[in-house]
Protein backbone atom coordinates (compact mmCIF):
# COMPACT_ATOMS: atom_id res chain seq x y z
CA UNK A 1 0.00 0.00 0.00
CA UNK A 2 2.77 2.39 0.89
CA UNK A 3 4.68 1.42 -2.24
CA UNK A 4 1.64 2.12 -4.41
CA UNK A 5 1.15 5.55 -2.83
CA UNK A 6 4.78 6.40 -3.41
CA UNK A 7 4.52 5.34 -7.07
CA UNK A 8 1.46 7.50 -7.55
CA UNK A 9 3.27 10.45 -5.99
CA UNK A 10 6.25 9.97 -8.31
CA UNK A 11 3.94 9.70 -11.32
CA UNK A 12 2.07 12.85 -10.30
CA UNK A 13 5.38 14.69 -9.82
CA UNK A 14 6.64 13.60 -13.25
CA UNK A 15 3.40 14.64 -14.91
CA UNK A 16 3.54 18.03 -13.18
CA UNK A 17 7.16 18.60 -14.24
CA UNK A 18 6.45 17.51 -17.81
CA UNK A 19 3.54 19.91 -17.98
CA UNK A 20 5.50 22.79 -16.44
CA UNK A 21 8.54 22.39 -18.72
CA UNK A 22 6.46 21.78 -21.82
CA UNK A 23 7.59 24.37 -24.43
CA UNK A 24 3.94 25.14 -25.18
CA UNK A 25 3.05 25.78 -21.55
CA UNK A 26 1.90 29.44 -21.18
CA UNK A 27 4.09 29.94 -18.10
CA UNK A 28 7.14 28.49 -19.86
CA UNK A 29 6.46 30.66 -22.91
CA UNK A 30 6.09 33.78 -20.75
CA UNK A 31 9.34 33.07 -18.90
CA UNK A 32 11.16 32.44 -22.19
CA UNK A 33 9.83 35.65 -23.75
CA UNK A 34 10.76 37.64 -20.63
CA UNK A 35 14.28 36.23 -20.68
CA UNK A 36 14.62 37.15 -24.37
CA UNK A 37 13.57 40.74 -23.65
CA UNK A 38 16.00 40.99 -20.73
CA UNK A 39 18.79 39.67 -22.96
CA UNK A 40 17.88 42.12 -25.73
CA UNK A 41 17.77 44.98 -23.22
CA UNK A 42 21.26 44.13 -21.95
CA UNK A 43 22.62 44.13 -25.52
CA UNK A 44 20.99 47.50 -26.19
CA UNK A 45 22.19 49.19 -23.00
CA UNK A 46 25.78 48.00 -23.50
CA UNK A 47 25.72 49.14 -27.14
CA UNK A 48 24.54 52.63 -26.13
CA UNK A 49 27.38 53.28 -23.70
CA UNK A 50 29.52 55.22 -26.24
CA UNK A 51 26.39 57.39 -26.96
CA UNK A 52 27.29 57.94 -30.64
CA UNK A 53 26.37 54.28 -31.26
CA UNK A 54 22.79 54.82 -30.02
CA UNK A 55 21.45 54.93 -33.58
CA UNK A 56 22.96 51.55 -34.44
CA UNK A 57 21.74 50.15 -31.11
CA UNK A 58 18.19 51.36 -31.76
CA UNK A 59 18.23 49.91 -35.27
CA UNK A 60 19.51 46.55 -34.02
CA UNK A 61 16.91 46.46 -31.23
CA UNK A 62 14.07 47.29 -33.61
CA UNK A 63 15.28 44.66 -36.08
CA UNK A 64 14.69 42.10 -33.30
CA UNK A 65 11.45 43.53 -31.84
CA UNK A 66 9.84 43.93 -35.28
CA UNK A 67 10.39 40.21 -35.80
CA UNK A 68 9.01 39.56 -32.33
CA UNK A 69 5.90 41.56 -33.28
CA UNK A 70 5.50 39.18 -36.23
CA UNK A 71 5.80 36.16 -33.94
CA UNK A 72 9.45 35.36 -34.74
CA UNK A 73 11.44 34.82 -31.54
CA UNK A 74 14.86 33.65 -32.71
CA UNK A 75 18.45 33.94 -31.50
CA UNK A 76 18.51 37.30 -29.74
CA UNK A 77 22.26 37.96 -29.48
CA UNK A 78 23.03 36.68 -32.98
CA UNK A 79 20.24 38.67 -34.65
CA UNK A 80 21.09 41.79 -32.65
CA UNK A 81 24.83 41.75 -33.37
CA UNK A 82 24.29 41.04 -37.07
CA UNK A 83 21.87 43.97 -37.40
CA UNK A 84 24.18 46.22 -35.37
CA UNK A 85 27.17 45.52 -37.63
CA UNK A 86 25.16 45.69 -40.84
CA UNK A 87 23.55 49.08 -40.12
CA UNK A 88 26.25 50.68 -37.98
CA UNK A 89 27.56 53.24 -40.48
CA UNK A 90 24.19 54.40 -41.81
CA UNK A 91 22.50 54.39 -38.40
CA UNK A 92 25.34 56.41 -36.85
CA UNK A 93 25.14 59.03 -39.60
CA UNK A 94 21.37 59.34 -39.16
CA UNK A 95 21.70 59.52 -35.38
CA UNK A 96 24.33 62.27 -35.47
CA UNK A 97 22.34 64.31 -38.00
CA UNK A 98 18.91 64.06 -36.38
CA UNK A 99 20.13 64.22 -32.77
CA UNK A 100 22.30 67.21 -33.67
CA UNK A 101 19.34 69.00 -35.28
CA UNK A 102 17.18 68.21 -32.26
CA UNK A 103 19.81 69.59 -29.88
CA UNK A 104 20.04 72.75 -32.00
CA UNK A 105 16.27 73.36 -31.83
CA UNK A 106 16.20 72.58 -28.11
CA UNK A 107 18.94 75.16 -27.55
CA UNK A 108 16.94 77.69 -29.60
CA UNK A 109 13.88 77.13 -27.40
CA UNK A 110 15.98 77.58 -24.27
CA UNK A 111 17.36 80.85 -25.62
CA UNK A 112 13.86 82.09 -26.51
CA UNK A 113 12.52 81.38 -23.01
CA UNK A 114 15.47 82.36 -20.84
CA UNK A 115 17.74 84.71 -22.82
CA UNK A 116 15.82 86.80 -25.35
CA UNK A 117 13.12 89.38 -24.47
CA UNK A 118 9.49 88.25 -24.41
CA UNK A 119 8.64 89.89 -27.75
CA UNK A 120 10.57 87.12 -29.51
CA UNK A 121 8.49 84.31 -27.99
CA UNK A 122 6.30 84.14 -31.13
CA UNK A 123 9.25 82.44 -32.85
CA UNK A 124 8.74 79.40 -30.64
CA UNK A 125 5.83 78.23 -32.82
CA UNK A 126 8.10 77.67 -35.80
CA UNK A 127 10.86 76.10 -33.71
CA UNK A 128 8.46 73.75 -31.88
CA UNK A 129 7.04 72.67 -35.24
CA UNK A 130 10.51 71.98 -36.64
CA UNK A 131 11.44 70.11 -33.47
CA UNK A 132 8.29 68.01 -33.83
CA UNK A 133 9.32 67.02 -37.37
CA UNK A 134 12.80 66.15 -36.17
CA UNK A 135 11.49 64.01 -33.31
CA UNK A 136 9.05 62.32 -35.72
CA UNK A 137 11.96 61.42 -37.98
CA UNK A 138 13.92 60.08 -34.99
CA UNK A 139 10.96 57.90 -33.99
CA UNK A 140 10.53 56.19 -37.36
CA UNK A 141 13.93 56.31 -39.05
CA UNK A 142 15.59 53.50 -37.08
CA UNK A 143 12.69 51.02 -37.33
CA UNK A 144 12.60 51.81 -41.05
CA UNK A 145 16.34 51.23 -41.38
CA UNK A 146 15.86 47.90 -39.60
CA UNK A 147 13.21 46.87 -42.15
CA UNK A 148 14.14 48.57 -45.44
CA UNK A 149 17.29 49.15 -47.46
CA UNK A 150 17.27 52.83 -48.39
CA UNK A 151 19.68 55.75 -48.53
CA UNK A 152 19.92 58.16 -45.60
CA UNK A 153 18.09 60.80 -47.62
CA UNK A 154 15.26 58.41 -48.47
CA UNK A 155 15.00 57.22 -44.87
CA UNK A 156 14.71 60.75 -43.48
CA UNK A 157 12.15 61.71 -46.13
CA UNK A 158 10.05 58.56 -45.68
CA UNK A 159 10.23 58.69 -41.88
CA UNK A 160 8.88 62.26 -41.99
CA UNK A 161 6.08 61.19 -44.34
CA UNK A 162 5.31 58.21 -42.12
CA UNK A 163 5.23 60.44 -39.04
CA UNK A 164 2.85 62.90 -40.68
CA UNK A 165 0.72 60.11 -42.15
CA UNK A 166 0.37 58.46 -38.73
CA UNK A 167 -0.10 61.49 -36.50
CA UNK A 168 -2.01 59.61 -33.75
CA UNK A 169 0.78 57.02 -33.47
CA UNK A 170 3.45 59.73 -33.58
CA UNK A 171 1.76 61.74 -30.83
CA UNK A 172 1.16 58.55 -28.79
CA UNK A 173 4.87 57.68 -28.96
CA UNK A 174 5.98 61.21 -28.07
CA UNK A 175 3.50 61.40 -25.17
CA UNK A 176 4.65 58.06 -23.70
CA UNK A 177 8.32 59.07 -23.90
CA UNK A 178 7.51 62.59 -22.68
CA UNK A 179 5.60 61.35 -19.63
CA UNK A 180 8.45 59.05 -18.65
CA UNK A 181 11.00 61.85 -19.08
CA UNK A 182 8.85 64.42 -17.23
CA UNK A 183 8.13 62.13 -14.27
CA UNK A 184 11.80 61.19 -14.03
CA UNK A 185 12.98 64.81 -14.05
CA UNK A 186 10.51 65.93 -11.37
CA UNK A 187 10.66 62.98 -8.99
CA UNK A 188 13.92 61.47 -7.77
CA UNK A 189 12.30 58.23 -6.61
CA UNK A 190 10.58 57.70 -9.96
CA UNK A 191 13.83 58.48 -11.74
CA UNK A 192 15.58 55.68 -9.85
CA UNK A 193 12.63 53.34 -10.49
CA UNK A 194 12.50 54.08 -14.24
CA UNK A 195 16.27 53.85 -14.51
CA UNK A 196 16.24 50.44 -12.84
CA UNK A 197 13.42 49.16 -15.05
CA UNK A 198 14.95 50.47 -18.27
CA UNK A 199 18.37 49.07 -17.44
CA UNK A 200 16.73 45.68 -16.79
CA UNK A 201 13.97 45.23 -19.39
CA UNK A 202 12.20 48.55 -20.06
CA UNK A 203 13.94 49.59 -23.28
CA UNK A 204 13.24 46.29 -25.04
CA UNK A 205 9.68 46.14 -23.69
CA UNK A 206 8.92 49.66 -24.91
CA UNK A 207 10.52 48.92 -28.30
CA UNK A 208 8.34 45.81 -28.62
CA UNK A 209 5.23 47.84 -27.80
CA UNK A 210 6.10 50.45 -30.40
CA UNK A 211 7.07 47.76 -32.92
CA UNK A 212 3.55 46.34 -32.83
CA UNK A 213 2.20 49.72 -33.99
CA UNK A 214 5.12 50.46 -36.35
CA UNK A 215 4.54 47.13 -38.08
CA UNK A 216 0.94 48.12 -38.81
CA UNK A 217 2.10 51.50 -40.11
CA UNK A 218 4.63 49.81 -42.40
CA UNK A 219 1.99 47.40 -43.74
CA UNK A 220 -0.34 50.34 -44.38
CA UNK A 221 2.43 52.30 -46.12
CA UNK A 222 3.49 49.31 -48.24
CA UNK A 223 -0.13 48.76 -49.25
CA UNK A 224 -0.63 52.38 -50.28
CA UNK A 225 2.58 52.28 -52.34
CA UNK A 226 1.37 49.20 -54.24
CA UNK A 227 -1.98 50.87 -54.91
C-alpha atoms as a PDB file:
ATOM      1  CA  UNK A   1       0.000   0.000   0.000  1.00  0.00           C
ATOM      2  CA  UNK A   2       2.771   2.389   0.887  1.00  0.00           C
ATOM      3  CA  UNK A   3       4.682   1.416  -2.237  1.00  0.00           C
ATOM      4  CA  UNK A   4       1.642   2.117  -4.409  1.00  0.00           C
ATOM      5  CA  UNK A   5       1.150   5.554  -2.831  1.00  0.00           C
ATOM      6  CA  UNK A   6       4.782   6.395  -3.410  1.00  0.00           C
ATOM      7  CA  UNK A   7       4.519   5.342  -7.071  1.00  0.00           C
ATOM      8  CA  UNK A   8       1.463   7.500  -7.552  1.00  0.00           C
ATOM      9  CA  UNK A   9       3.266  10.450  -5.991  1.00  0.00           C
ATOM     10  CA  UNK A  10       6.246   9.972  -8.314  1.00  0.00           C
ATOM     11  CA  UNK A  11       3.936   9.704 -11.321  1.00  0.00           C
ATOM     12  CA  UNK A  12       2.067  12.854 -10.297  1.00  0.00           C
ATOM     13  CA  UNK A  13       5.381  14.690  -9.821  1.00  0.00           C
ATOM     14  CA  UNK A  14       6.638  13.604 -13.253  1.00  0.00           C
ATOM     15  CA  UNK A  15       3.403  14.642 -14.914  1.00  0.00           C
ATOM     16  CA  UNK A  16       3.544  18.034 -13.185  1.00  0.00           C
ATOM     17  CA  UNK A  17       7.165  18.598 -14.241  1.00  0.00           C
ATOM     18  CA  UNK A  18       6.452  17.508 -17.815  1.00  0.00           C
ATOM     19  CA  UNK A  19       3.538  19.908 -17.976  1.00  0.00           C
ATOM     20  CA  UNK A  20       5.502  22.785 -16.438  1.00  0.00           C
ATOM     21  CA  UNK A  21       8.540  22.390 -18.717  1.00  0.00           C
ATOM     22  CA  UNK A  22       6.457  21.777 -21.819  1.00  0.00           C
ATOM     23  CA  UNK A  23       7.591  24.369 -24.434  1.00  0.00           C
ATOM     24  CA  UNK A  24       3.938  25.144 -25.182  1.00  0.00           C
ATOM     25  CA  UNK A  25       3.046  25.776 -21.547  1.00  0.00           C
ATOM     26  CA  UNK A  26       1.900  29.435 -21.178  1.00  0.00           C
ATOM     27  CA  UNK A  27       4.085  29.937 -18.096  1.00  0.00           C
ATOM     28  CA  UNK A  28       7.136  28.494 -19.860  1.00  0.00           C
ATOM     29  CA  UNK A  29       6.465  30.656 -22.912  1.00  0.00           C
ATOM     30  CA  UNK A  30       6.091  33.781 -20.753  1.00  0.00           C
ATOM     31  CA  UNK A  31       9.341  33.071 -18.905  1.00  0.00           C
ATOM     32  CA  UNK A  32      11.163  32.440 -22.194  1.00  0.00           C
ATOM     33  CA  UNK A  33       9.834  35.655 -23.748  1.00  0.00           C
ATOM     34  CA  UNK A  34      10.761  37.636 -20.634  1.00  0.00           C
ATOM     35  CA  UNK A  35      14.277  36.232 -20.675  1.00  0.00           C
ATOM     36  CA  UNK A  36      14.615  37.148 -24.373  1.00  0.00           C
ATOM     37  CA  UNK A  37      13.572  40.736 -23.646  1.00  0.00           C
ATOM     38  CA  UNK A  38      16.003  40.991 -20.733  1.00  0.00           C
ATOM     39  CA  UNK A  39      18.793  39.666 -22.959  1.00  0.00           C
ATOM     40  CA  UNK A  40      17.883  42.119 -25.728  1.00  0.00           C
ATOM     41  CA  UNK A  41      17.766  44.977 -23.221  1.00  0.00           C
ATOM     42  CA  UNK A  42      21.257  44.133 -21.951  1.00  0.00           C
ATOM     43  CA  UNK A  43      22.619  44.127 -25.516  1.00  0.00           C
ATOM     44  CA  UNK A  44      20.986  47.497 -26.194  1.00  0.00           C
ATOM     45  CA  UNK A  45      22.191  49.192 -22.999  1.00  0.00           C
ATOM     46  CA  UNK A  46      25.783  48.003 -23.502  1.00  0.00           C
ATOM     47  CA  UNK A  47      25.720  49.140 -27.143  1.00  0.00           C
ATOM     48  CA  UNK A  48      24.543  52.626 -26.126  1.00  0.00           C
ATOM     49  CA  UNK A  49      27.385  53.275 -23.696  1.00  0.00           C
ATOM     50  CA  UNK A  50      29.522  55.223 -26.237  1.00  0.00           C
ATOM     51  CA  UNK A  51      26.388  57.388 -26.965  1.00  0.00           C
ATOM     52  CA  UNK A  52      27.291  57.944 -30.639  1.00  0.00           C
ATOM     53  CA  UNK A  53      26.374  54.282 -31.256  1.00  0.00           C
ATOM     54  CA  UNK A  54      22.793  54.820 -30.019  1.00  0.00           C
ATOM     55  CA  UNK A  55      21.446  54.930 -33.578  1.00  0.00           C
ATOM     56  CA  UNK A  56      22.962  51.554 -34.442  1.00  0.00           C
ATOM     57  CA  UNK A  57      21.739  50.150 -31.113  1.00  0.00           C
ATOM     58  CA  UNK A  58      18.189  51.361 -31.759  1.00  0.00           C
ATOM     59  CA  UNK A  59      18.231  49.909 -35.270  1.00  0.00           C
ATOM     60  CA  UNK A  60      19.506  46.547 -34.016  1.00  0.00           C
ATOM     61  CA  UNK A  61      16.914  46.456 -31.227  1.00  0.00           C
ATOM     62  CA  UNK A  62      14.068  47.287 -33.612  1.00  0.00           C
ATOM     63  CA  UNK A  63      15.278  44.656 -36.079  1.00  0.00           C
ATOM     64  CA  UNK A  64      14.687  42.102 -33.302  1.00  0.00           C
ATOM     65  CA  UNK A  65      11.452  43.534 -31.844  1.00  0.00           C
ATOM     66  CA  UNK A  66       9.841  43.934 -35.281  1.00  0.00           C
ATOM     67  CA  UNK A  67      10.393  40.212 -35.804  1.00  0.00           C
ATOM     68  CA  UNK A  68       9.007  39.565 -32.326  1.00  0.00           C
ATOM     69  CA  UNK A  69       5.905  41.559 -33.280  1.00  0.00           C
ATOM     70  CA  UNK A  70       5.500  39.182 -36.235  1.00  0.00           C
ATOM     71  CA  UNK A  71       5.801  36.164 -33.936  1.00  0.00           C
ATOM     72  CA  UNK A  72       9.450  35.361 -34.742  1.00  0.00           C
ATOM     73  CA  UNK A  73      11.438  34.819 -31.542  1.00  0.00           C
ATOM     74  CA  UNK A  74      14.858  33.650 -32.708  1.00  0.00           C
ATOM     75  CA  UNK A  75      18.447  33.937 -31.497  1.00  0.00           C
ATOM     76  CA  UNK A  76      18.512  37.297 -29.741  1.00  0.00           C
ATOM     77  CA  UNK A  77      22.262  37.962 -29.476  1.00  0.00           C
ATOM     78  CA  UNK A  78      23.029  36.677 -32.977  1.00  0.00           C
ATOM     79  CA  UNK A  79      20.244  38.668 -34.645  1.00  0.00           C
ATOM     80  CA  UNK A  80      21.092  41.786 -32.648  1.00  0.00           C
ATOM     81  CA  UNK A  81      24.832  41.755 -33.374  1.00  0.00           C
ATOM     82  CA  UNK A  82      24.287  41.041 -37.074  1.00  0.00           C
ATOM     83  CA  UNK A  83      21.865  43.971 -37.404  1.00  0.00           C
ATOM     84  CA  UNK A  84      24.183  46.218 -35.371  1.00  0.00           C
ATOM     85  CA  UNK A  85      27.173  45.522 -37.629  1.00  0.00           C
ATOM     86  CA  UNK A  86      25.164  45.688 -40.839  1.00  0.00           C
ATOM     87  CA  UNK A  87      23.551  49.075 -40.125  1.00  0.00           C
ATOM     88  CA  UNK A  88      26.252  50.684 -37.979  1.00  0.00           C
ATOM     89  CA  UNK A  89      27.557  53.239 -40.477  1.00  0.00           C
ATOM     90  CA  UNK A  90      24.193  54.396 -41.810  1.00  0.00           C
ATOM     91  CA  UNK A  91      22.504  54.389 -38.402  1.00  0.00           C
ATOM     92  CA  UNK A  92      25.344  56.411 -36.853  1.00  0.00           C
ATOM     93  CA  UNK A  93      25.136  59.033 -39.602  1.00  0.00           C
ATOM     94  CA  UNK A  94      21.367  59.336 -39.163  1.00  0.00           C
ATOM     95  CA  UNK A  95      21.703  59.522 -35.378  1.00  0.00           C
ATOM     96  CA  UNK A  96      24.335  62.269 -35.472  1.00  0.00           C
ATOM     97  CA  UNK A  97      22.344  64.308 -38.000  1.00  0.00           C
ATOM     98  CA  UNK A  98      18.907  64.056 -36.375  1.00  0.00           C
ATOM     99  CA  UNK A  99      20.129  64.220 -32.775  1.00  0.00           C
ATOM    100  CA  UNK A 100      22.295  67.210 -33.671  1.00  0.00           C
ATOM    101  CA  UNK A 101      19.341  68.996 -35.278  1.00  0.00           C
ATOM    102  CA  UNK A 102      17.179  68.211 -32.259  1.00  0.00           C
ATOM    103  CA  UNK A 103      19.806  69.589 -29.880  1.00  0.00           C
ATOM    104  CA  UNK A 104      20.037  72.753 -31.995  1.00  0.00           C
ATOM    105  CA  UNK A 105      16.268  73.358 -31.827  1.00  0.00           C
ATOM    106  CA  UNK A 106      16.197  72.580 -28.105  1.00  0.00           C
ATOM    107  CA  UNK A 107      18.938  75.163 -27.553  1.00  0.00           C
ATOM    108  CA  UNK A 108      16.939  77.695 -29.599  1.00  0.00           C
ATOM    109  CA  UNK A 109      13.877  77.131 -27.404  1.00  0.00           C
ATOM    110  CA  UNK A 110      15.976  77.580 -24.268  1.00  0.00           C
ATOM    111  CA  UNK A 111      17.360  80.855 -25.623  1.00  0.00           C
ATOM    112  CA  UNK A 112      13.856  82.089 -26.512  1.00  0.00           C
ATOM    113  CA  UNK A 113      12.520  81.380 -23.013  1.00  0.00           C
ATOM    114  CA  UNK A 114      15.465  82.355 -20.837  1.00  0.00           C
ATOM    115  CA  UNK A 115      17.736  84.715 -22.820  1.00  0.00           C
ATOM    116  CA  UNK A 116      15.818  86.805 -25.350  1.00  0.00           C
ATOM    117  CA  UNK A 117      13.118  89.384 -24.475  1.00  0.00           C
ATOM    118  CA  UNK A 118       9.485  88.247 -24.412  1.00  0.00           C
ATOM    119  CA  UNK A 119       8.639  89.885 -27.754  1.00  0.00           C
ATOM    120  CA  UNK A 120      10.572  87.120 -29.511  1.00  0.00           C
ATOM    121  CA  UNK A 121       8.487  84.315 -27.991  1.00  0.00           C
ATOM    122  CA  UNK A 122       6.299  84.140 -31.130  1.00  0.00           C
ATOM    123  CA  UNK A 123       9.250  82.440 -32.846  1.00  0.00           C
ATOM    124  CA  UNK A 124       8.742  79.402 -30.638  1.00  0.00           C
ATOM    125  CA  UNK A 125       5.834  78.234 -32.817  1.00  0.00           C
ATOM    126  CA  UNK A 126       8.103  77.673 -35.798  1.00  0.00           C
ATOM    127  CA  UNK A 127      10.861  76.095 -33.711  1.00  0.00           C
ATOM    128  CA  UNK A 128       8.459  73.749 -31.885  1.00  0.00           C
ATOM    129  CA  UNK A 129       7.042  72.668 -35.240  1.00  0.00           C
ATOM    130  CA  UNK A 130      10.513  71.982 -36.644  1.00  0.00           C
ATOM    131  CA  UNK A 131      11.436  70.111 -33.467  1.00  0.00           C
ATOM    132  CA  UNK A 132       8.287  68.014 -33.829  1.00  0.00           C
ATOM    133  CA  UNK A 133       9.318  67.023 -37.366  1.00  0.00           C
ATOM    134  CA  UNK A 134      12.805  66.150 -36.169  1.00  0.00           C
ATOM    135  CA  UNK A 135      11.490  64.006 -33.306  1.00  0.00           C
ATOM    136  CA  UNK A 136       9.052  62.325 -35.719  1.00  0.00           C
ATOM    137  CA  UNK A 137      11.963  61.416 -37.982  1.00  0.00           C
ATOM    138  CA  UNK A 138      13.915  60.079 -34.987  1.00  0.00           C
ATOM    139  CA  UNK A 139      10.958  57.901 -33.987  1.00  0.00           C
ATOM    140  CA  UNK A 140      10.533  56.194 -37.357  1.00  0.00           C
ATOM    141  CA  UNK A 141      13.929  56.311 -39.049  1.00  0.00           C
ATOM    142  CA  UNK A 142      15.588  53.502 -37.081  1.00  0.00           C
ATOM    143  CA  UNK A 143      12.690  51.021 -37.326  1.00  0.00           C
ATOM    144  CA  UNK A 144      12.600  51.813 -41.052  1.00  0.00           C
ATOM    145  CA  UNK A 145      16.340  51.232 -41.381  1.00  0.00           C
ATOM    146  CA  UNK A 146      15.858  47.898 -39.597  1.00  0.00           C
ATOM    147  CA  UNK A 147      13.215  46.873 -42.146  1.00  0.00           C
ATOM    148  CA  UNK A 148      14.139  48.566 -45.436  1.00  0.00           C
ATOM    149  CA  UNK A 149      17.290  49.146 -47.455  1.00  0.00           C
ATOM    150  CA  UNK A 150      17.268  52.831 -48.394  1.00  0.00           C
ATOM    151  CA  UNK A 151      19.679  55.746 -48.529  1.00  0.00           C
ATOM    152  CA  UNK A 152      19.916  58.161 -45.596  1.00  0.00           C
ATOM    153  CA  UNK A 153      18.087  60.802 -47.623  1.00  0.00           C
ATOM    154  CA  UNK A 154      15.264  58.408 -48.468  1.00  0.00           C
ATOM    155  CA  UNK A 155      14.999  57.216 -44.868  1.00  0.00           C
ATOM    156  CA  UNK A 156      14.706  60.749 -43.480  1.00  0.00           C
ATOM    157  CA  UNK A 157      12.152  61.714 -46.130  1.00  0.00           C
ATOM    158  CA  UNK A 158      10.051  58.562 -45.681  1.00  0.00           C
ATOM    159  CA  UNK A 159      10.226  58.693 -41.878  1.00  0.00           C
ATOM    160  CA  UNK A 160       8.878  62.258 -41.986  1.00  0.00           C
ATOM    161  CA  UNK A 161       6.083  61.192 -44.344  1.00  0.00           C
ATOM    162  CA  UNK A 162       5.305  58.215 -42.121  1.00  0.00           C
ATOM    163  CA  UNK A 163       5.233  60.436 -39.040  1.00  0.00           C
ATOM    164  CA  UNK A 164       2.851  62.897 -40.678  1.00  0.00           C
ATOM    165  CA  UNK A 165       0.721  60.108 -42.151  1.00  0.00           C
ATOM    166  CA  UNK A 166       0.374  58.459 -38.731  1.00  0.00           C
ATOM    167  CA  UNK A 167      -0.104  61.489 -36.497  1.00  0.00           C
ATOM    168  CA  UNK A 168      -2.011  59.609 -33.749  1.00  0.00           C
ATOM    169  CA  UNK A 169       0.782  57.025 -33.467  1.00  0.00           C
ATOM    170  CA  UNK A 170       3.452  59.725 -33.579  1.00  0.00           C
ATOM    171  CA  UNK A 171       1.756  61.736 -30.825  1.00  0.00           C
ATOM    172  CA  UNK A 172       1.163  58.554 -28.790  1.00  0.00           C
ATOM    173  CA  UNK A 173       4.869  57.680 -28.960  1.00  0.00           C
ATOM    174  CA  UNK A 174       5.977  61.206 -28.075  1.00  0.00           C
ATOM    175  CA  UNK A 175       3.498  61.399 -25.173  1.00  0.00           C
ATOM    176  CA  UNK A 176       4.651  58.065 -23.703  1.00  0.00           C
ATOM    177  CA  UNK A 177       8.316  59.072 -23.896  1.00  0.00           C
ATOM    178  CA  UNK A 178       7.508  62.593 -22.684  1.00  0.00           C
ATOM    179  CA  UNK A 179       5.596  61.354 -19.631  1.00  0.00           C
ATOM    180  CA  UNK A 180       8.450  59.047 -18.650  1.00  0.00           C
ATOM    181  CA  UNK A 181      10.996  61.855 -19.084  1.00  0.00           C
ATOM    182  CA  UNK A 182       8.855  64.417 -17.228  1.00  0.00           C
ATOM    183  CA  UNK A 183       8.131  62.125 -14.274  1.00  0.00           C
ATOM    184  CA  UNK A 184      11.802  61.191 -14.030  1.00  0.00           C
ATOM    185  CA  UNK A 185      12.976  64.810 -14.045  1.00  0.00           C
ATOM    186  CA  UNK A 186      10.510  65.930 -11.375  1.00  0.00           C
ATOM    187  CA  UNK A 187      10.665  62.977  -8.987  1.00  0.00           C
ATOM    188  CA  UNK A 188      13.921  61.472  -7.768  1.00  0.00           C
ATOM    189  CA  UNK A 189      12.296  58.227  -6.612  1.00  0.00           C
ATOM    190  CA  UNK A 190      10.576  57.696  -9.956  1.00  0.00           C
ATOM    191  CA  UNK A 191      13.831  58.482 -11.745  1.00  0.00           C
ATOM    192  CA  UNK A 192      15.580  55.677  -9.851  1.00  0.00           C
ATOM    193  CA  UNK A 193      12.631  53.341 -10.492  1.00  0.00           C
ATOM    194  CA  UNK A 194      12.496  54.079 -14.239  1.00  0.00           C
ATOM    195  CA  UNK A 195      16.272  53.854 -14.509  1.00  0.00           C
ATOM    196  CA  UNK A 196      16.244  50.439 -12.841  1.00  0.00           C
ATOM    197  CA  UNK A 197      13.424  49.157 -15.051  1.00  0.00           C
ATOM    198  CA  UNK A 198      14.948  50.474 -18.272  1.00  0.00           C
ATOM    199  CA  UNK A 199      18.366  49.069 -17.437  1.00  0.00           C
ATOM    200  CA  UNK A 200      16.735  45.684 -16.793  1.00  0.00           C
ATOM    201  CA  UNK A 201      13.975  45.232 -19.393  1.00  0.00           C
ATOM    202  CA  UNK A 202      12.197  48.549 -20.064  1.00  0.00           C
ATOM    203  CA  UNK A 203      13.943  49.593 -23.284  1.00  0.00           C
ATOM    204  CA  UNK A 204      13.242  46.291 -25.035  1.00  0.00           C
ATOM    205  CA  UNK A 205       9.685  46.141 -23.689  1.00  0.00           C
ATOM    206  CA  UNK A 206       8.923  49.662 -24.906  1.00  0.00           C
ATOM    207  CA  UNK A 207      10.519  48.922 -28.295  1.00  0.00           C
ATOM    208  CA  UNK A 208       8.345  45.812 -28.616  1.00  0.00           C
ATOM    209  CA  UNK A 209       5.230  47.837 -27.802  1.00  0.00           C
ATOM    210  CA  UNK A 210       6.103  50.455 -30.395  1.00  0.00           C
ATOM    211  CA  UNK A 211       7.065  47.763 -32.922  1.00  0.00           C
ATOM    212  CA  UNK A 212       3.546  46.342 -32.828  1.00  0.00           C
ATOM    213  CA  UNK A 213       2.203  49.715 -33.991  1.00  0.00           C
ATOM    214  CA  UNK A 214       5.121  50.464 -36.350  1.00  0.00           C
ATOM    215  CA  UNK A 215       4.544  47.127 -38.082  1.00  0.00           C
ATOM    216  CA  UNK A 216       0.940  48.121 -38.806  1.00  0.00           C
ATOM    217  CA  UNK A 217       2.100  51.504 -40.106  1.00  0.00           C
ATOM    218  CA  UNK A 218       4.632  49.808 -42.399  1.00  0.00           C
ATOM    219  CA  UNK A 219       1.993  47.404 -43.739  1.00  0.00           C
ATOM    220  CA  UNK A 220      -0.338  50.345 -44.381  1.00  0.00           C
ATOM    221  CA  UNK A 221       2.429  52.305 -46.124  1.00  0.00           C
ATOM    222  CA  UNK A 222       3.490  49.310 -48.242  1.00  0.00           C
ATOM    223  CA  UNK A 223      -0.127  48.755 -49.250  1.00  0.00           C
ATOM    224  CA  UNK A 224      -0.633  52.377 -50.279  1.00  0.00           C
ATOM    225  CA  UNK A 225       2.580  52.278 -52.339  1.00  0.00           C
ATOM    226  CA  UNK A 226       1.371  49.195 -54.243  1.00  0.00           C
ATOM    227  CA  UNK A 227      -1.981  50.868 -54.913  1.00  0.00           C
END
